[in-house]
N, C-alpha and C. Protein backbone atom coordinates (compact mmCIF):
# COMPACT_ATOMS: atom_id res chain seq x y z
N MET A 1 0.88 -1.19 0.00
CA MET A 1 0.00 0.00 0.00
C MET A 1 0.89 1.21 0.00
N ALA A 2 0.59 2.12 -0.87
CA ALA A 2 1.43 3.30 -1.03
C ALA A 2 1.26 4.24 0.13
N PRO A 3 2.39 4.84 0.63
CA PRO A 3 2.31 5.76 1.79
C PRO A 3 1.45 6.97 1.49
N THR A 4 0.77 7.39 2.63
CA THR A 4 -0.12 8.55 2.49
C THR A 4 0.70 9.80 2.46
N SER A 5 0.43 10.65 1.60
CA SER A 5 1.18 11.90 1.49
C SER A 5 0.85 12.82 2.65
N ALA A 6 1.82 13.61 3.12
CA ALA A 6 1.62 14.55 4.26
C ALA A 6 0.51 15.51 3.97
N ARG A 7 -0.24 15.74 5.06
CA ARG A 7 -1.35 16.68 4.92
C ARG A 7 -0.82 18.09 4.94
N LYS A 8 -1.29 18.84 4.06
CA LYS A 8 -0.89 20.24 3.99
C LYS A 8 -1.76 21.08 4.91
N LEU A 9 -1.12 22.15 5.51
CA LEU A 9 -1.87 23.06 6.38
C LEU A 9 -2.72 23.97 5.54
N THR A 10 -3.93 23.96 5.88
CA THR A 10 -4.84 24.86 5.17
C THR A 10 -4.72 26.24 5.78
N PRO A 11 -5.14 27.26 5.07
CA PRO A 11 -5.11 28.62 5.64
C PRO A 11 -5.89 28.72 6.94
N GLU A 12 -6.97 27.97 7.03
CA GLU A 12 -7.78 28.03 8.24
C GLU A 12 -7.01 27.46 9.44
N MET A 13 -6.30 26.38 9.16
CA MET A 13 -5.53 25.77 10.23
C MET A 13 -4.40 26.69 10.69
N LYS A 14 -3.74 27.34 9.71
CA LYS A 14 -2.70 28.28 10.06
C LYS A 14 -3.23 29.39 10.95
N ASP A 15 -4.41 29.90 10.58
CA ASP A 15 -5.00 30.99 11.39
C ASP A 15 -5.29 30.52 12.81
N GLU A 16 -5.79 29.29 12.96
CA GLU A 16 -6.10 28.77 14.29
C GLU A 16 -4.83 28.62 15.13
N ILE A 17 -3.75 28.11 14.45
CA ILE A 17 -2.49 27.93 15.17
C ILE A 17 -1.93 29.28 15.62
N ILE A 18 -1.97 30.27 14.74
CA ILE A 18 -1.47 31.61 15.07
C ILE A 18 -2.27 32.21 16.21
N ALA A 19 -3.61 32.03 16.14
CA ALA A 19 -4.48 32.57 17.20
C ALA A 19 -4.17 31.92 18.54
N LEU A 20 -3.92 30.60 18.51
CA LEU A 20 -3.62 29.88 19.74
C LEU A 20 -2.30 30.36 20.35
N ILE A 21 -1.28 30.49 19.46
CA ILE A 21 0.02 30.97 19.94
C ILE A 21 -0.10 32.39 20.50
N ASP A 22 -0.86 33.24 19.80
CA ASP A 22 -1.05 34.63 20.25
C ASP A 22 -1.72 34.67 21.62
N LYS A 23 -2.68 33.76 21.78
CA LYS A 23 -3.40 33.69 23.05
C LYS A 23 -2.46 33.30 24.19
N ARG A 24 -1.61 32.28 23.88
CA ARG A 24 -0.67 31.83 24.90
C ARG A 24 0.33 32.93 25.27
N VAL A 25 0.78 33.64 24.24
CA VAL A 25 1.72 34.74 24.48
C VAL A 25 1.09 35.82 25.34
N LYS A 26 -0.18 36.15 25.00
CA LYS A 26 -0.88 37.19 25.77
C LYS A 26 -1.08 36.76 27.22
N GLU A 27 -1.44 35.49 27.40
CA GLU A 27 -1.62 35.00 28.77
C GLU A 27 -0.32 35.10 29.55
N HIS A 28 0.76 34.73 28.91
CA HIS A 28 2.07 34.81 29.55
C HIS A 28 2.44 36.25 29.87
N TYR A 29 2.12 37.20 29.00
CA TYR A 29 2.41 38.63 29.20
C TYR A 29 1.63 39.18 30.38
N VAL A 30 0.34 38.83 30.42
CA VAL A 30 -0.50 39.31 31.51
C VAL A 30 0.02 38.81 32.85
N THR A 31 0.42 37.57 32.86
CA THR A 31 0.94 36.99 34.10
C THR A 31 2.19 37.73 34.56
N ARG A 32 3.09 38.04 33.70
CA ARG A 32 4.30 38.78 34.03
C ARG A 32 3.98 40.20 34.46
N SER A 33 2.99 40.79 33.78
CA SER A 33 2.58 42.16 34.14
C SER A 33 2.02 42.19 35.55
N ASP A 34 1.16 41.20 35.82
CA ASP A 34 0.60 41.12 37.18
C ASP A 34 1.70 40.91 38.21
N PHE A 35 2.67 40.09 37.87
CA PHE A 35 3.77 39.82 38.79
C PHE A 35 4.56 41.09 39.09
N LYS A 36 4.80 41.87 38.03
CA LYS A 36 5.50 43.14 38.22
C LYS A 36 4.69 44.09 39.11
N ALA A 37 3.36 44.08 38.87
CA ALA A 37 2.49 44.92 39.70
C ALA A 37 2.56 44.49 41.16
N LEU A 38 2.54 43.16 41.36
CA LEU A 38 2.64 42.64 42.72
C LEU A 38 3.98 43.02 43.35
N GLN A 39 5.04 42.94 42.55
CA GLN A 39 6.35 43.35 43.05
C GLN A 39 6.34 44.81 43.49
N SER A 40 5.69 45.65 42.68
CA SER A 40 5.60 47.07 43.01
C SER A 40 4.83 47.29 44.31
N ILE A 41 3.72 46.54 44.45
CA ILE A 41 2.89 46.66 45.66
C ILE A 41 3.66 46.21 46.89
N VAL A 42 4.36 45.07 46.73
CA VAL A 42 5.15 44.55 47.85
C VAL A 42 6.23 45.54 48.25
N LYS A 43 6.85 46.17 47.25
CA LYS A 43 7.89 47.16 47.53
C LYS A 43 7.31 48.34 48.30
N GLU A 44 6.13 48.81 47.85
CA GLU A 44 5.47 49.92 48.54
C GLU A 44 5.11 49.53 49.97
N LEU A 45 4.60 48.28 50.10
CA LEU A 45 4.25 47.81 51.44
C LEU A 45 5.49 47.75 52.33
N SER A 46 6.59 47.31 51.77
CA SER A 46 7.84 47.23 52.54
C SER A 46 8.26 48.61 53.01
N ILE A 47 8.13 49.59 52.10
CA ILE A 47 8.47 50.97 52.46
C ILE A 47 7.55 51.47 53.57
N ASN A 48 6.24 51.18 53.42
CA ASN A 48 5.26 51.62 54.42
C ASN A 48 5.53 50.97 55.77
N VAL A 49 5.85 49.67 55.73
CA VAL A 49 6.15 48.96 56.97
C VAL A 49 7.38 49.56 57.64
N LYS A 50 8.38 49.87 56.84
CA LYS A 50 9.60 50.48 57.37
C LYS A 50 9.29 51.83 58.01
N GLU A 51 8.44 52.61 57.33
CA GLU A 51 8.05 53.91 57.88
C GLU A 51 7.28 53.73 59.18
N LEU A 52 6.40 52.72 59.20
CA LEU A 52 5.64 52.45 60.43
C LEU A 52 6.56 52.04 61.57
N VAL A 53 7.55 51.23 61.25
CA VAL A 53 8.51 50.81 62.28
C VAL A 53 9.26 52.02 62.83
N GLU A 54 9.69 52.91 61.94
CA GLU A 54 10.39 54.12 62.36
C GLU A 54 9.47 55.00 63.21
N ALA A 55 8.21 55.11 62.76
CA ALA A 55 7.24 55.92 63.51
C ALA A 55 7.00 55.33 64.89
N GLN A 56 6.94 53.99 64.95
CA GLN A 56 6.74 53.33 66.23
C GLN A 56 7.93 53.57 67.15
N LYS A 57 9.13 53.52 66.58
CA LYS A 57 10.32 53.79 67.38
C LYS A 57 10.30 55.21 67.94
N ARG A 58 9.90 56.16 67.07
CA ARG A 58 9.83 57.56 67.53
C ARG A 58 8.77 57.71 68.62
N THR A 59 7.63 57.01 68.42
CA THR A 59 6.56 57.08 69.42
C THR A 59 7.02 56.49 70.75
N GLU A 60 7.70 55.34 70.67
CA GLU A 60 8.20 54.72 71.90
C GLU A 60 9.21 55.62 72.59
N GLN A 61 10.04 56.29 71.80
CA GLN A 61 11.02 57.21 72.38
C GLN A 61 10.32 58.38 73.07
N ARG A 62 9.27 58.91 72.40
CA ARG A 62 8.52 60.01 73.01
C ARG A 62 7.81 59.56 74.27
N MET A 63 7.25 58.34 74.23
CA MET A 63 6.59 57.81 75.42
C MET A 63 7.58 57.66 76.57
N GLU A 64 8.78 57.22 76.24
CA GLU A 64 9.81 57.09 77.26
C GLU A 64 10.19 58.45 77.82
N GLU A 65 10.30 59.44 76.93
CA GLU A 65 10.61 60.80 77.38
C GLU A 65 9.49 61.35 78.25
N LEU A 66 8.23 61.06 77.84
CA LEU A 66 7.08 61.51 78.64
C LEU A 66 7.07 60.83 80.01
N ALA A 67 7.41 59.54 80.02
CA ALA A 67 7.45 58.81 81.29
C ALA A 67 8.49 59.42 82.22
N ILE A 68 9.65 59.75 81.66
CA ILE A 68 10.71 60.38 82.46
C ILE A 68 10.26 61.75 82.96
N SER A 69 9.62 62.51 82.05
CA SER A 69 9.12 63.84 82.42
C SER A 69 8.05 63.74 83.50
N LEU A 70 7.16 62.73 83.35
CA LEU A 70 6.11 62.53 84.34
C LEU A 70 6.70 62.16 85.69
N LYS A 71 7.71 61.31 85.67
CA LYS A 71 8.36 60.92 86.91
C LYS A 71 9.01 62.12 87.59
N GLU A 72 9.66 62.96 86.78
CA GLU A 72 10.28 64.17 87.33
C GLU A 72 9.22 65.11 87.90
N THR A 73 8.08 65.21 87.17
CA THR A 73 6.98 66.06 87.66
C THR A 73 6.43 65.54 88.97
N GLN A 74 6.27 64.20 89.06
CA GLN A 74 5.77 63.61 90.30
C GLN A 74 6.72 63.88 91.46
N ILE A 75 8.02 63.80 91.17
CA ILE A 75 9.01 64.08 92.22
C ILE A 75 8.90 65.54 92.66
N GLU A 76 8.75 66.45 91.66
CA GLU A 76 8.63 67.87 91.99
C GLU A 76 7.36 68.14 92.78
N LEU A 77 6.25 67.48 92.37
CA LEU A 77 4.99 67.66 93.10
C LEU A 77 5.11 67.14 94.53
N LYS A 78 5.81 66.02 94.67
CA LYS A 78 6.01 65.46 96.00
C LYS A 78 6.82 66.42 96.86
N GLN A 79 7.84 67.01 96.25
CA GLN A 79 8.67 67.99 96.97
C GLN A 79 7.85 69.22 97.34
N LEU A 80 7.01 69.68 96.38
CA LEU A 80 6.16 70.84 96.66
C LEU A 80 5.18 70.54 97.77
N ALA A 81 4.60 69.32 97.73
CA ALA A 81 3.65 68.93 98.77
C ALA A 81 4.33 68.90 100.13
N HIS A 82 5.57 68.39 100.15
CA HIS A 82 6.32 68.34 101.40
C HIS A 82 6.62 69.75 101.91
N GLU A 83 7.05 70.62 100.97
CA GLU A 83 7.34 72.00 101.34
C GLU A 83 6.08 72.72 101.81
N HIS A 84 4.95 72.41 101.12
CA HIS A 84 3.67 73.03 101.52
C HIS A 84 3.28 72.57 102.91
N SER A 85 3.51 71.28 103.18
CA SER A 85 3.20 70.75 104.51
C SER A 85 4.03 71.44 105.58
N ILE A 86 5.32 71.64 105.27
CA ILE A 86 6.20 72.33 106.22
C ILE A 86 5.73 73.77 106.43
N THR A 87 5.35 74.43 105.31
CA THR A 87 4.88 75.82 105.40
C THR A 87 3.62 75.91 106.25
N ARG A 88 2.69 74.96 106.02
CA ARG A 88 1.45 74.94 106.81
C ARG A 88 1.76 74.75 108.30
N LYS A 89 2.70 73.85 108.57
CA LYS A 89 3.06 73.61 109.97
C LYS A 89 3.67 74.86 110.60
N LEU A 90 4.56 75.51 109.83
CA LEU A 90 5.18 76.73 110.34
C LEU A 90 4.14 77.82 110.58
N LEU A 91 3.20 77.94 109.62
CA LEU A 91 2.13 78.93 109.79
C LEU A 91 1.26 78.57 110.98
N GLY A 92 0.99 77.26 111.12
CA GLY A 92 0.19 76.82 112.26
C GLY A 92 0.89 77.11 113.57
N ASP A 93 2.19 76.83 113.60
CA ASP A 93 2.97 77.12 114.81
C ASP A 93 2.99 78.61 115.10
N LEU A 94 3.14 79.41 114.03
CA LEU A 94 3.16 80.86 114.20
C LEU A 94 1.81 81.36 114.70
N THR A 95 0.72 80.80 114.11
CA THR A 95 -0.63 81.19 114.54
C THR A 95 -0.85 80.83 116.00
N ASN A 96 -0.41 79.62 116.37
CA ASN A 96 -0.56 79.20 117.76
C ASN A 96 0.24 80.09 118.69
N THR A 97 1.45 80.45 118.25
CA THR A 97 2.30 81.33 119.07
C THR A 97 1.63 82.68 119.28
N VAL A 98 1.10 83.24 118.17
CA VAL A 98 0.41 84.53 118.26
C VAL A 98 -0.82 84.40 119.13
N GLY A 99 -1.58 83.28 118.92
CA GLY A 99 -2.80 83.08 119.70
C GLY A 99 -2.51 82.93 121.17
N TYR A 100 -1.51 82.12 121.50
CA TYR A 100 -1.17 81.92 122.91
C TYR A 100 -0.68 83.22 123.54
N GLY A 101 0.06 84.00 122.77
CA GLY A 101 0.52 85.29 123.29
C GLY A 101 -0.64 86.21 123.61
N LEU A 102 -1.64 86.20 122.72
CA LEU A 102 -2.82 87.04 122.93
C LEU A 102 -3.62 86.55 124.13
N GLU A 103 -3.77 85.23 124.24
CA GLU A 103 -4.50 84.66 125.38
C GLU A 103 -3.82 85.01 126.70
N ASP A 104 -2.52 84.84 126.72
CA ASP A 104 -1.78 85.12 127.96
C ASP A 104 -1.95 86.58 128.38
N THR A 105 -2.00 87.47 127.40
CA THR A 105 -2.18 88.89 127.70
C THR A 105 -3.57 89.16 128.26
N ILE A 106 -4.59 88.62 127.61
CA ILE A 106 -5.97 88.88 128.02
C ILE A 106 -6.25 88.29 129.40
N MET A 107 -5.67 87.13 129.69
CA MET A 107 -5.91 86.49 130.99
C MET A 107 -5.50 87.39 132.16
N LYS A 108 -4.54 88.25 131.93
CA LYS A 108 -4.08 89.15 133.00
C LYS A 108 -5.14 90.18 133.37
N TYR A 109 -6.05 90.45 132.42
CA TYR A 109 -7.06 91.49 132.63
C TYR A 109 -8.46 90.93 132.86
N ILE A 110 -8.61 89.61 132.82
CA ILE A 110 -9.94 89.01 132.81
C ILE A 110 -10.69 89.22 134.12
N HIS A 111 -9.96 89.30 135.25
CA HIS A 111 -10.64 89.51 136.53
C HIS A 111 -11.35 90.86 136.55
N ASP A 112 -10.63 91.91 136.21
CA ASP A 112 -11.22 93.25 136.24
C ASP A 112 -12.28 93.41 135.15
N TYR A 113 -12.05 92.79 134.00
CA TYR A 113 -13.02 92.81 132.89
C TYR A 113 -14.34 92.19 133.34
N ALA A 114 -14.27 91.02 133.96
CA ALA A 114 -15.48 90.32 134.39
C ALA A 114 -16.22 91.10 135.47
N GLN A 115 -15.47 91.70 136.38
CA GLN A 115 -16.09 92.43 137.47
C GLN A 115 -16.77 93.70 136.98
N LYS A 116 -16.07 94.48 136.15
CA LYS A 116 -16.62 95.75 135.69
C LYS A 116 -17.73 95.60 134.65
N GLU A 117 -17.60 94.62 133.76
CA GLU A 117 -18.58 94.47 132.69
C GLU A 117 -19.80 93.65 133.10
N TYR A 118 -19.61 92.66 134.00
CA TYR A 118 -20.71 91.74 134.30
C TYR A 118 -20.95 91.54 135.80
N GLY A 119 -20.13 92.16 136.63
CA GLY A 119 -20.31 91.99 138.07
C GLY A 119 -19.97 90.58 138.53
N ILE A 120 -19.06 89.94 137.84
CA ILE A 120 -18.68 88.56 138.16
C ILE A 120 -17.35 88.55 138.92
N THR A 121 -17.32 87.78 139.98
CA THR A 121 -16.07 87.59 140.73
C THR A 121 -15.41 86.32 140.22
N ILE A 122 -14.26 86.48 139.59
CA ILE A 122 -13.58 85.35 138.98
C ILE A 122 -12.77 84.58 140.02
N THR A 123 -12.91 83.27 139.99
CA THR A 123 -12.16 82.40 140.90
C THR A 123 -11.13 81.53 140.17
N THR A 124 -11.34 81.31 138.89
CA THR A 124 -10.44 80.44 138.11
C THR A 124 -10.22 81.01 136.73
N VAL A 125 -8.96 81.10 136.34
CA VAL A 125 -8.61 81.49 134.97
C VAL A 125 -7.66 80.43 134.42
N ASP A 126 -7.97 79.93 133.24
CA ASP A 126 -7.19 78.81 132.73
C ASP A 126 -7.30 78.72 131.21
N ARG A 127 -6.39 77.95 130.64
CA ARG A 127 -6.53 77.48 129.26
C ARG A 127 -6.86 76.00 129.41
N ARG A 128 -8.08 75.60 129.03
CA ARG A 128 -8.56 74.30 129.48
C ARG A 128 -9.16 73.47 128.34
N TYR A 129 -9.07 72.15 128.52
CA TYR A 129 -9.75 71.21 127.63
C TYR A 129 -11.00 70.70 128.33
N ILE A 130 -12.12 70.78 127.64
CA ILE A 130 -13.37 70.26 128.16
C ILE A 130 -13.67 68.94 127.44
N THR A 131 -13.72 67.84 128.18
CA THR A 131 -13.96 66.52 127.60
C THR A 131 -15.42 66.14 127.79
N TYR A 132 -16.03 65.65 126.72
CA TYR A 132 -17.44 65.26 126.74
C TYR A 132 -17.59 63.76 126.98
N PRO A 133 -18.79 63.32 127.32
CA PRO A 133 -19.02 61.89 127.61
C PRO A 133 -18.64 60.96 126.46
N ASP A 134 -18.74 61.44 125.22
CA ASP A 134 -18.41 60.56 124.08
C ASP A 134 -16.91 60.50 123.79
N GLY A 135 -16.11 61.18 124.62
CA GLY A 135 -14.67 61.15 124.44
C GLY A 135 -14.10 62.32 123.65
N ARG A 136 -14.95 63.03 122.95
CA ARG A 136 -14.47 64.21 122.21
C ARG A 136 -14.21 65.35 123.18
N TYR A 137 -13.49 66.36 122.71
CA TYR A 137 -13.17 67.47 123.61
C TYR A 137 -13.03 68.77 122.82
N ASP A 138 -13.11 69.87 123.53
CA ASP A 138 -12.89 71.21 122.98
C ASP A 138 -11.77 71.88 123.77
N GLU A 139 -10.93 72.60 123.05
CA GLU A 139 -9.89 73.39 123.71
C GLU A 139 -10.41 74.80 123.92
N ILE A 140 -10.45 75.22 125.15
CA ILE A 140 -10.93 76.56 125.49
C ILE A 140 -9.72 77.48 125.61
N ASN A 141 -9.63 78.47 124.74
CA ASN A 141 -8.49 79.39 124.77
C ASN A 141 -8.43 80.17 126.08
N ILE A 142 -9.56 80.74 126.46
CA ILE A 142 -9.64 81.52 127.70
C ILE A 142 -10.83 81.00 128.50
N TYR A 143 -10.54 80.34 129.61
CA TYR A 143 -11.58 79.77 130.46
C TYR A 143 -11.55 80.51 131.79
N ALA A 144 -12.64 81.20 132.09
CA ALA A 144 -12.73 81.93 133.36
C ALA A 144 -14.02 81.50 134.06
N GLU A 145 -13.87 81.09 135.29
CA GLU A 145 -15.02 80.62 136.08
C GLU A 145 -15.16 81.50 137.31
N GLY A 146 -16.40 81.91 137.60
CA GLY A 146 -16.63 82.78 138.74
C GLY A 146 -18.06 82.69 139.23
N THR A 147 -18.43 83.64 140.08
CA THR A 147 -19.78 83.64 140.64
C THR A 147 -20.39 85.04 140.55
N LYS A 148 -21.71 85.03 140.45
CA LYS A 148 -22.47 86.27 140.46
C LYS A 148 -23.78 85.99 141.19
N ASN A 149 -23.98 86.71 142.28
CA ASN A 149 -25.17 86.50 143.11
C ASN A 149 -25.30 85.03 143.53
N GLY A 150 -24.18 84.42 143.81
CA GLY A 150 -24.19 83.04 144.29
C GLY A 150 -24.29 82.00 143.19
N ASN A 151 -24.39 82.41 141.96
CA ASN A 151 -24.52 81.46 140.84
C ASN A 151 -23.20 81.35 140.07
N THR A 152 -22.93 80.16 139.58
CA THR A 152 -21.72 79.93 138.79
C THR A 152 -21.88 80.52 137.39
N VAL A 153 -20.87 81.24 136.97
CA VAL A 153 -20.87 81.86 135.63
C VAL A 153 -19.53 81.55 134.96
N TYR A 154 -19.61 81.27 133.67
CA TYR A 154 -18.40 80.98 132.89
C TYR A 154 -18.20 82.05 131.82
N ILE A 155 -16.99 82.55 131.75
CA ILE A 155 -16.62 83.44 130.63
C ILE A 155 -15.70 82.63 129.72
N ILE A 156 -16.17 82.38 128.52
CA ILE A 156 -15.44 81.55 127.56
C ILE A 156 -14.94 82.44 126.42
N GLY A 157 -13.62 82.50 126.27
CA GLY A 157 -13.05 83.37 125.25
C GLY A 157 -12.27 82.61 124.18
N GLU A 158 -12.30 83.15 122.98
CA GLU A 158 -11.55 82.62 121.85
C GLU A 158 -10.64 83.74 121.34
N SER A 159 -9.39 83.41 121.04
CA SER A 159 -8.46 84.43 120.55
C SER A 159 -8.08 84.14 119.10
N LYS A 160 -8.13 85.18 118.27
CA LYS A 160 -7.77 85.07 116.86
C LYS A 160 -6.98 86.30 116.45
N ALA A 161 -5.89 86.08 115.75
CA ALA A 161 -5.11 87.22 115.27
C ALA A 161 -5.95 88.06 114.32
N GLN A 162 -6.58 87.39 113.35
CA GLN A 162 -7.49 88.06 112.41
C GLN A 162 -8.77 87.24 112.35
N LEU A 163 -9.82 87.80 112.85
CA LEU A 163 -11.09 87.08 112.97
C LEU A 163 -11.80 86.96 111.63
N GLY A 164 -12.30 85.75 111.34
CA GLY A 164 -13.06 85.50 110.12
C GLY A 164 -14.43 84.93 110.42
N LYS A 165 -15.28 84.85 109.41
CA LYS A 165 -16.64 84.34 109.58
C LYS A 165 -16.64 82.88 110.03
N LYS A 166 -15.75 82.07 109.44
CA LYS A 166 -15.69 80.65 109.80
C LYS A 166 -15.26 80.47 111.25
N ASP A 167 -14.43 81.38 111.74
CA ASP A 167 -14.03 81.33 113.15
C ASP A 167 -15.24 81.51 114.05
N ALA A 168 -16.10 82.44 113.67
CA ALA A 168 -17.31 82.70 114.45
C ALA A 168 -18.26 81.51 114.38
N ASP A 169 -18.38 80.91 113.19
CA ASP A 169 -19.25 79.73 113.03
C ASP A 169 -18.78 78.60 113.94
N SER A 170 -17.48 78.36 113.93
CA SER A 170 -16.90 77.28 114.74
C SER A 170 -17.07 77.56 116.23
N PHE A 171 -16.86 78.82 116.62
CA PHE A 171 -16.99 79.19 118.03
C PHE A 171 -18.43 79.03 118.51
N ASP A 172 -19.38 79.39 117.66
CA ASP A 172 -20.80 79.24 118.01
C ASP A 172 -21.14 77.77 118.27
N LYS A 173 -20.63 76.88 117.44
CA LYS A 173 -20.90 75.45 117.62
C LYS A 173 -20.29 74.93 118.92
N MET A 174 -19.09 75.43 119.24
CA MET A 174 -18.45 75.01 120.48
C MET A 174 -19.25 75.49 121.69
N ILE A 175 -19.73 76.73 121.64
CA ILE A 175 -20.53 77.26 122.75
C ILE A 175 -21.79 76.44 122.94
N ALA A 176 -22.39 75.99 121.84
CA ALA A 176 -23.60 75.16 121.92
C ALA A 176 -23.28 73.85 122.65
N ARG A 177 -22.12 73.28 122.37
CA ARG A 177 -21.73 72.04 123.06
C ARG A 177 -21.48 72.30 124.54
N LEU A 178 -20.85 73.43 124.84
CA LEU A 178 -20.55 73.75 126.24
C LEU A 178 -21.82 74.01 127.04
N ARG A 179 -22.82 74.60 126.42
CA ARG A 179 -24.09 74.87 127.12
C ARG A 179 -24.75 73.57 127.58
N ASN A 180 -24.54 72.51 126.82
CA ASN A 180 -25.11 71.22 127.20
C ASN A 180 -24.25 70.47 128.22
N HIS A 181 -23.10 71.04 128.53
CA HIS A 181 -22.17 70.34 129.42
C HIS A 181 -21.91 71.10 130.72
N LEU A 182 -21.67 72.39 130.63
CA LEU A 182 -21.39 73.17 131.83
C LEU A 182 -22.68 73.58 132.53
N LYS A 183 -22.66 73.54 133.83
CA LYS A 183 -23.84 73.90 134.61
C LYS A 183 -23.72 75.34 135.08
N GLY A 184 -24.25 76.23 134.29
CA GLY A 184 -24.19 77.64 134.64
C GLY A 184 -24.26 78.51 133.41
N GLU A 185 -24.41 79.82 133.65
CA GLU A 185 -24.47 80.77 132.54
C GLU A 185 -23.12 80.87 131.85
N ILE A 186 -23.16 80.98 130.52
CA ILE A 186 -21.93 81.13 129.74
C ILE A 186 -21.95 82.48 129.03
N ILE A 187 -20.89 83.25 129.22
CA ILE A 187 -20.73 84.52 128.52
C ILE A 187 -19.57 84.35 127.54
N PRO A 188 -19.86 84.30 126.24
CA PRO A 188 -18.80 84.07 125.25
C PRO A 188 -18.27 85.37 124.65
N PHE A 189 -16.98 85.39 124.36
CA PHE A 189 -16.41 86.54 123.66
C PHE A 189 -15.25 86.07 122.79
N ILE A 190 -14.97 86.86 121.76
CA ILE A 190 -13.82 86.61 120.90
C ILE A 190 -12.94 87.86 120.92
N VAL A 191 -11.66 87.67 121.16
CA VAL A 191 -10.72 88.78 121.15
C VAL A 191 -9.80 88.60 119.95
N CYS A 192 -9.52 89.70 119.26
CA CYS A 192 -8.69 89.62 118.05
C CYS A 192 -7.88 90.90 117.89
N TYR A 193 -6.88 90.82 117.03
CA TYR A 193 -6.11 92.01 116.70
C TYR A 193 -6.86 92.86 115.68
N SER A 194 -7.51 92.20 114.73
CA SER A 194 -8.26 92.93 113.71
C SER A 194 -9.46 92.12 113.26
N CYS A 195 -10.47 92.84 112.76
CA CYS A 195 -11.70 92.19 112.29
C CYS A 195 -12.32 93.09 111.23
N ALA A 196 -12.50 92.55 110.03
CA ALA A 196 -13.06 93.33 108.92
C ALA A 196 -14.51 93.72 109.22
N PRO A 197 -14.96 94.87 108.71
CA PRO A 197 -16.33 95.33 108.98
C PRO A 197 -17.40 94.31 108.60
N ASP A 198 -17.22 93.63 107.45
CA ASP A 198 -18.24 92.67 107.04
C ASP A 198 -18.30 91.48 107.99
N VAL A 199 -17.16 91.14 108.60
CA VAL A 199 -17.14 90.04 109.57
C VAL A 199 -17.86 90.48 110.85
N GLU A 200 -17.60 91.70 111.28
CA GLU A 200 -18.29 92.22 112.47
C GLU A 200 -19.79 92.25 112.25
N ASN A 201 -20.21 92.71 111.08
CA ASN A 201 -21.65 92.76 110.78
C ASN A 201 -22.24 91.35 110.73
N TYR A 202 -21.50 90.42 110.16
CA TYR A 202 -21.96 89.03 110.07
C TYR A 202 -22.19 88.45 111.46
N ILE A 203 -21.22 88.65 112.35
CA ILE A 203 -21.34 88.11 113.70
C ILE A 203 -22.47 88.80 114.47
N ALA A 204 -22.61 90.11 114.28
CA ALA A 204 -23.67 90.85 114.97
C ALA A 204 -25.05 90.35 114.56
N LEU A 205 -25.20 89.96 113.30
CA LEU A 205 -26.49 89.48 112.80
C LEU A 205 -26.72 88.01 113.13
N GLN A 206 -25.69 87.19 112.94
CA GLN A 206 -25.85 85.75 113.12
C GLN A 206 -25.70 85.31 114.58
N TYR A 207 -24.80 85.95 115.30
CA TYR A 207 -24.51 85.53 116.68
C TYR A 207 -24.43 86.76 117.58
N PRO A 208 -25.54 87.43 117.81
CA PRO A 208 -25.51 88.66 118.61
C PRO A 208 -25.06 88.46 120.06
N TYR A 209 -25.11 87.24 120.55
CA TYR A 209 -24.72 86.96 121.94
C TYR A 209 -23.20 86.87 122.10
N ILE A 210 -22.47 86.78 120.98
CA ILE A 210 -21.01 86.71 121.04
C ILE A 210 -20.43 88.12 121.04
N HIS A 211 -19.67 88.44 122.07
CA HIS A 211 -19.06 89.77 122.18
C HIS A 211 -17.71 89.78 121.47
N ILE A 212 -17.48 90.80 120.66
CA ILE A 212 -16.22 90.94 119.93
C ILE A 212 -15.40 92.06 120.56
N HIS A 213 -14.16 91.77 120.90
CA HIS A 213 -13.27 92.76 121.49
C HIS A 213 -11.96 92.81 120.72
N LYS A 214 -11.46 94.00 120.51
CA LYS A 214 -10.10 94.16 119.98
C LYS A 214 -9.13 94.04 121.16
N SER A 215 -7.96 93.55 120.90
CA SER A 215 -7.01 93.27 121.98
C SER A 215 -6.70 94.51 122.82
N PHE A 216 -6.58 95.67 122.17
CA PHE A 216 -6.19 96.88 122.91
C PHE A 216 -7.28 97.35 123.86
N GLU A 217 -8.52 96.89 123.65
CA GLU A 217 -9.62 97.32 124.52
C GLU A 217 -9.45 96.81 125.95
N PHE A 218 -8.68 95.75 126.14
CA PHE A 218 -8.50 95.19 127.48
C PHE A 218 -7.50 95.99 128.31
N TYR A 219 -6.75 96.85 127.65
CA TYR A 219 -5.73 97.59 128.39
C TYR A 219 -6.33 98.63 129.34
N LYS A 220 -7.60 98.91 129.18
CA LYS A 220 -8.24 99.87 130.08
C LYS A 220 -8.60 99.23 131.43
N TYR A 221 -8.53 97.91 131.48
CA TYR A 221 -8.85 97.22 132.73
C TYR A 221 -7.59 97.04 133.57
N LYS A 222 -7.81 96.80 134.84
CA LYS A 222 -6.70 96.63 135.77
C LYS A 222 -6.07 95.25 135.57
N LYS A 223 -4.76 95.26 135.52
CA LYS A 223 -4.04 93.99 135.32
C LYS A 223 -3.97 93.25 136.65
N GLN A 224 -4.30 91.97 136.62
CA GLN A 224 -4.29 91.15 137.83
C GLN A 224 -2.87 90.76 138.24
N TYR A 225 -2.04 90.51 137.24
CA TYR A 225 -0.65 90.12 137.50
C TYR A 225 0.18 90.44 136.27
N ASP A 226 1.49 90.44 136.43
CA ASP A 226 2.41 90.71 135.32
C ASP A 226 2.87 89.42 134.67
């Protein structure tokens, strides 16, 4: 049997082969293009990640600096609080010193003051603590005990370098406690170096029973002792 002659490519077949090859080439091109795009994206992401890492380092550094600054501020605040505490103590000591000095001065004149102003004969002058049944107590700056017409009378004084409204409020509450504890009439007064007009008016309206005296007013009375 005679061999079959080779089949010739028809134009249609050539076109199909060319189209197939073109398709394969295009597919390969698109794949490489996408790969390049992915490479570009990855590169950008790497740059962004690097920038984020640097930003994080800067943030951590700032946080560390803030922590150090905060620690220094806390130390300074602690020092200021300590200094403020010392200042308050010094002021308190100074106030007490001034107050005690004023009390000691007034006590020298309290006998003549009580006799001339109220007809009271004083038997006891003291700086005293009054303790209540519940264990609480009040410190009486000027405690004077005496008699009038056979009855016990107490003169209770408070001394303030500069009298304020809150001082009067506090003194009024203390007098109320003493009235429930001491058996006898109580005559309260506050002695001070100075008192603003509005404070005097406040006390006159709110606590008319409290007598206000300036320290120099006691010098007109006879001194009991030096």
